[in-house]
Amino acid sequence: MESIRYKQRFQNFSKALSQLTKFIQKAELNQLEKQGLIKAFEYNYELAWNLLKDYYQFQGDSGIQGSRDAIQIAYQRNLITNGDIWMQMIQS
């Protein structure tokens, strides 16, 4: 079941990231669209760290408690880059 979970999460993340990318490319945004963009970014961030957590749990790491743990492990294992930017997102 766990292997299916991280694969499903990856599919959801890929779709959401594609939508966010299209949205970002829009030249001008009104206030409502800006708020929507922020929510879409937050949704992508949540999907991303949960995907990392599910993936590492599938790999046998059961000690991941939250986004900080998931991101630190992913950065240490070179699955993500710019770890400092990811950590800033946690603190924001």
N, C-alpha and C. Protein backbone atom coordinates (compact mmCIF):
# COMPACT_ATOMS: atom_id res chain seq x y z
N MET A 1 0.83 -1.20 0.00
CA MET A 1 0.00 0.00 0.00
C MET A 1 0.87 1.26 0.00
N GLU A 2 1.95 1.25 0.79
CA GLU A 2 2.81 2.43 0.88
C GLU A 2 3.45 2.77 -0.47
N SER A 3 3.81 1.75 -1.26
CA SER A 3 4.43 2.06 -2.55
C SER A 3 3.42 2.75 -3.47
N ILE A 4 2.17 2.34 -3.38
CA ILE A 4 1.13 2.97 -4.18
C ILE A 4 0.91 4.41 -3.71
N ARG A 5 0.98 4.62 -2.40
CA ARG A 5 0.72 5.94 -1.84
C ARG A 5 1.69 6.99 -2.38
N TYR A 6 2.97 6.70 -2.35
CA TYR A 6 3.92 7.72 -2.82
C TYR A 6 3.82 7.91 -4.33
N LYS A 7 3.47 6.88 -5.05
CA LYS A 7 3.29 7.02 -6.50
C LYS A 7 2.07 7.87 -6.83
N GLN A 8 0.99 7.66 -6.09
CA GLN A 8 -0.20 8.48 -6.28
C GLN A 8 0.08 9.93 -5.91
N ARG A 9 0.81 10.11 -4.81
CA ARG A 9 1.15 11.46 -4.37
C ARG A 9 2.01 12.14 -5.44
N PHE A 10 2.92 11.40 -6.06
CA PHE A 10 3.76 11.97 -7.11
C PHE A 10 2.91 12.41 -8.31
N GLN A 11 1.94 11.60 -8.68
CA GLN A 11 1.05 11.98 -9.79
C GLN A 11 0.28 13.25 -9.46
N ASN A 12 -0.24 13.33 -8.24
CA ASN A 12 -0.98 14.52 -7.81
C ASN A 12 -0.08 15.75 -7.81
N PHE A 13 1.15 15.57 -7.31
CA PHE A 13 2.10 16.68 -7.27
C PHE A 13 2.45 17.14 -8.69
N SER A 14 2.68 16.20 -9.58
CA SER A 14 3.03 16.56 -10.97
C SER A 14 1.93 17.38 -11.63
N LYS A 15 0.69 16.96 -11.43
CA LYS A 15 -0.44 17.70 -12.00
C LYS A 15 -0.54 19.10 -11.39
N ALA A 16 -0.43 19.18 -10.07
CA ALA A 16 -0.55 20.48 -9.39
C ALA A 16 0.59 21.41 -9.79
N LEU A 17 1.80 20.87 -9.91
CA LEU A 17 2.94 21.68 -10.31
C LEU A 17 2.78 22.20 -11.74
N SER A 18 2.26 21.37 -12.61
CA SER A 18 2.01 21.80 -13.98
C SER A 18 1.01 22.95 -14.02
N GLN A 19 -0.05 22.85 -13.24
CA GLN A 19 -1.04 23.92 -13.18
C GLN A 19 -0.44 25.19 -12.60
N LEU A 20 0.35 25.06 -11.55
CA LEU A 20 0.99 26.22 -10.94
C LEU A 20 1.93 26.90 -11.93
N THR A 21 2.69 26.11 -12.66
CA THR A 21 3.63 26.65 -13.65
C THR A 21 2.89 27.46 -14.71
N LYS A 22 1.78 26.94 -15.19
CA LYS A 22 0.98 27.68 -16.19
C LYS A 22 0.44 28.98 -15.60
N PHE A 23 0.01 28.92 -14.37
CA PHE A 23 -0.56 30.08 -13.70
C PHE A 23 0.50 31.18 -13.51
N ILE A 24 1.71 30.78 -13.15
CA ILE A 24 2.80 31.73 -12.92
C ILE A 24 3.18 32.45 -14.21
N GLN A 25 3.05 31.78 -15.33
CA GLN A 25 3.44 32.36 -16.61
C GLN A 25 2.49 33.44 -17.10
N LYS A 26 1.36 33.58 -16.45
CA LYS A 26 0.40 34.61 -16.85
C LYS A 26 1.01 35.99 -16.56
N ALA A 27 0.90 36.89 -17.51
CA ALA A 27 1.57 38.19 -17.41
C ALA A 27 1.10 39.04 -16.23
N GLU A 28 -0.18 39.30 -16.17
CA GLU A 28 -0.70 40.16 -15.11
C GLU A 28 -1.79 39.42 -14.35
N LEU A 29 -1.77 39.59 -13.04
CA LEU A 29 -2.77 38.94 -12.19
C LEU A 29 -3.55 39.99 -11.43
N ASN A 30 -4.85 39.80 -11.34
CA ASN A 30 -5.64 40.68 -10.48
C ASN A 30 -5.52 40.16 -9.03
N GLN A 31 -6.11 40.87 -8.10
CA GLN A 31 -5.96 40.52 -6.69
C GLN A 31 -6.46 39.11 -6.38
N LEU A 32 -7.59 38.74 -6.94
CA LEU A 32 -8.15 37.41 -6.71
C LEU A 32 -7.23 36.33 -7.28
N GLU A 33 -6.67 36.58 -8.45
CA GLU A 33 -5.74 35.62 -9.05
C GLU A 33 -4.46 35.50 -8.23
N LYS A 34 -4.00 36.61 -7.66
CA LYS A 34 -2.82 36.56 -6.79
C LYS A 34 -3.08 35.69 -5.57
N GLN A 35 -4.26 35.85 -4.99
CA GLN A 35 -4.62 35.02 -3.83
C GLN A 35 -4.70 33.55 -4.23
N GLY A 36 -5.24 33.29 -5.41
CA GLY A 36 -5.30 31.92 -5.92
C GLY A 36 -3.92 31.35 -6.15
N LEU A 37 -3.01 32.17 -6.64
CA LEU A 37 -1.64 31.74 -6.87
C LEU A 37 -0.97 31.36 -5.55
N ILE A 38 -1.18 32.16 -4.53
CA ILE A 38 -0.62 31.86 -3.21
C ILE A 38 -1.15 30.53 -2.70
N LYS A 39 -2.45 30.32 -2.80
CA LYS A 39 -3.05 29.05 -2.36
C LYS A 39 -2.52 27.87 -3.16
N ALA A 40 -2.36 28.06 -4.47
CA ALA A 40 -1.82 26.99 -5.31
C ALA A 40 -0.39 26.66 -4.91
N PHE A 41 0.40 27.68 -4.59
CA PHE A 41 1.77 27.45 -4.14
C PHE A 41 1.78 26.68 -2.82
N GLU A 42 0.94 27.10 -1.88
CA GLU A 42 0.86 26.41 -0.59
C GLU A 42 0.46 24.95 -0.78
N TYR A 43 -0.48 24.70 -1.67
CA TYR A 43 -0.92 23.34 -1.96
C TYR A 43 0.23 22.51 -2.53
N ASN A 44 0.99 23.10 -3.46
CA ASN A 44 2.14 22.41 -4.04
C ASN A 44 3.20 22.10 -2.99
N TYR A 45 3.44 23.05 -2.11
CA TYR A 45 4.42 22.83 -1.04
C TYR A 45 3.99 21.66 -0.16
N GLU A 46 2.73 21.62 0.24
CA GLU A 46 2.22 20.53 1.07
C GLU A 46 2.35 19.19 0.35
N LEU A 47 1.98 19.17 -0.91
CA LEU A 47 2.13 17.93 -1.68
C LEU A 47 3.59 17.51 -1.77
N ALA A 48 4.48 18.47 -1.97
CA ALA A 48 5.90 18.16 -2.13
C ALA A 48 6.48 17.51 -0.88
N TRP A 49 6.26 18.11 0.29
CA TRP A 49 6.89 17.53 1.47
C TRP A 49 6.22 16.22 1.87
N ASN A 50 4.93 16.09 1.62
CA ASN A 50 4.26 14.82 1.91
C ASN A 50 4.73 13.73 0.95
N LEU A 51 5.01 14.10 -0.29
CA LEU A 51 5.58 13.15 -1.24
C LEU A 51 6.94 12.68 -0.75
N LEU A 52 7.77 13.61 -0.29
CA LEU A 52 9.09 13.24 0.24
C LEU A 52 8.94 12.30 1.43
N LYS A 53 8.04 12.63 2.33
CA LYS A 53 7.80 11.78 3.52
C LYS A 53 7.35 10.38 3.10
N ASP A 54 6.38 10.30 2.21
CA ASP A 54 5.88 8.99 1.77
C ASP A 54 6.96 8.19 1.06
N TYR A 55 7.76 8.86 0.25
CA TYR A 55 8.84 8.17 -0.46
C TYR A 55 9.85 7.58 0.52
N TYR A 56 10.26 8.38 1.49
CA TYR A 56 11.25 7.87 2.43
C TYR A 56 10.66 6.83 3.37
N GLN A 57 9.39 6.92 3.68
CA GLN A 57 8.75 5.86 4.46
C GLN A 57 8.74 4.56 3.66
N PHE A 58 8.49 4.67 2.37
CA PHE A 58 8.55 3.49 1.50
C PHE A 58 9.97 2.91 1.50
N GLN A 59 10.98 3.78 1.59
CA GLN A 59 12.37 3.34 1.62
C GLN A 59 12.77 2.78 2.99
N GLY A 60 11.89 2.90 3.98
CA GLY A 60 12.16 2.33 5.31
C GLY A 60 12.42 3.34 6.40
N ASP A 61 12.41 4.63 6.10
CA ASP A 61 12.60 5.68 7.11
C ASP A 61 11.25 6.01 7.74
N SER A 62 11.04 5.51 8.94
CA SER A 62 9.74 5.73 9.59
C SER A 62 9.76 6.88 10.59
N GLY A 63 10.89 7.52 10.79
CA GLY A 63 11.01 8.55 11.80
C GLY A 63 10.69 9.96 11.33
N ILE A 64 10.15 10.12 10.15
CA ILE A 64 9.86 11.46 9.63
C ILE A 64 8.57 11.96 10.25
N GLN A 65 8.66 13.07 10.98
CA GLN A 65 7.52 13.60 11.70
C GLN A 65 6.81 14.75 10.99
N GLY A 66 7.53 15.51 10.21
CA GLY A 66 6.91 16.68 9.59
C GLY A 66 7.73 17.18 8.41
N SER A 67 7.37 18.37 7.95
CA SER A 67 8.02 18.92 6.77
C SER A 67 9.51 19.16 6.97
N ARG A 68 9.89 19.61 8.15
CA ARG A 68 11.31 19.87 8.42
C ARG A 68 12.13 18.59 8.27
N ASP A 69 11.67 17.51 8.87
CA ASP A 69 12.38 16.23 8.76
C ASP A 69 12.47 15.77 7.31
N ALA A 70 11.34 15.82 6.61
CA ALA A 70 11.29 15.34 5.23
C ALA A 70 12.25 16.13 4.34
N ILE A 71 12.25 17.43 4.51
CA ILE A 71 13.09 18.28 3.67
C ILE A 71 14.56 18.12 4.01
N GLN A 72 14.90 18.03 5.29
CA GLN A 72 16.29 17.85 5.68
C GLN A 72 16.85 16.54 5.12
N ILE A 73 16.08 15.47 5.23
CA ILE A 73 16.54 14.18 4.72
C ILE A 73 16.69 14.24 3.20
N ALA A 74 15.72 14.82 2.51
CA ALA A 74 15.78 14.91 1.05
C ALA A 74 16.98 15.73 0.61
N TYR A 75 17.29 16.80 1.33
CA TYR A 75 18.45 17.63 0.99
C TYR A 75 19.75 16.87 1.26
N GLN A 76 19.83 16.21 2.40
CA GLN A 76 21.03 15.45 2.75
C GLN A 76 21.31 14.34 1.74
N ARG A 77 20.26 13.77 1.19
CA ARG A 77 20.40 12.66 0.24
C ARG A 77 20.35 13.13 -1.21
N ASN A 78 20.46 14.44 -1.41
CA ASN A 78 20.52 15.04 -2.75
C ASN A 78 19.30 14.78 -3.63
N LEU A 79 18.15 14.61 -3.00
CA LEU A 79 16.92 14.48 -3.78
C LEU A 79 16.38 15.86 -4.15
N ILE A 80 16.66 16.85 -3.31
CA ILE A 80 16.29 18.24 -3.62
C ILE A 80 17.54 19.11 -3.52
N THR A 81 17.48 20.26 -4.15
CA THR A 81 18.55 21.25 -4.05
C THR A 81 18.00 22.47 -3.34
N ASN A 82 18.85 23.43 -3.08
CA ASN A 82 18.43 24.69 -2.43
C ASN A 82 17.73 24.44 -1.10
N GLY A 83 18.35 23.62 -0.28
CA GLY A 83 17.77 23.29 1.02
C GLY A 83 17.47 24.51 1.87
N ASP A 84 18.29 25.56 1.75
CA ASP A 84 18.04 26.77 2.53
C ASP A 84 16.73 27.44 2.12
N ILE A 85 16.40 27.41 0.85
CA ILE A 85 15.13 27.99 0.40
C ILE A 85 13.96 27.17 0.92
N TRP A 86 14.09 25.85 0.88
CA TRP A 86 13.03 24.99 1.42
C TRP A 86 12.82 25.27 2.91
N MET A 87 13.91 25.45 3.64
CA MET A 87 13.79 25.71 5.08
C MET A 87 13.16 27.08 5.33
N GLN A 88 13.44 28.05 4.48
CA GLN A 88 12.79 29.36 4.61
C GLN A 88 11.28 29.24 4.42
N MET A 89 10.86 28.35 3.53
CA MET A 89 9.43 28.16 3.32
C MET A 89 8.77 27.60 4.57
N ILE A 90 9.47 26.74 5.28
CA ILE A 90 8.93 26.19 6.53
C ILE A 90 8.74 27.31 7.55
N GLN A 91 9.71 28.20 7.62
CA GLN A 91 9.68 29.27 8.62
C GLN A 91 8.69 30.37 8.28
N SER A 92 8.28 30.47 7.03
CA SER A 92 7.36 31.55 6.61
C SER A 92 5.95 31.29 7.06
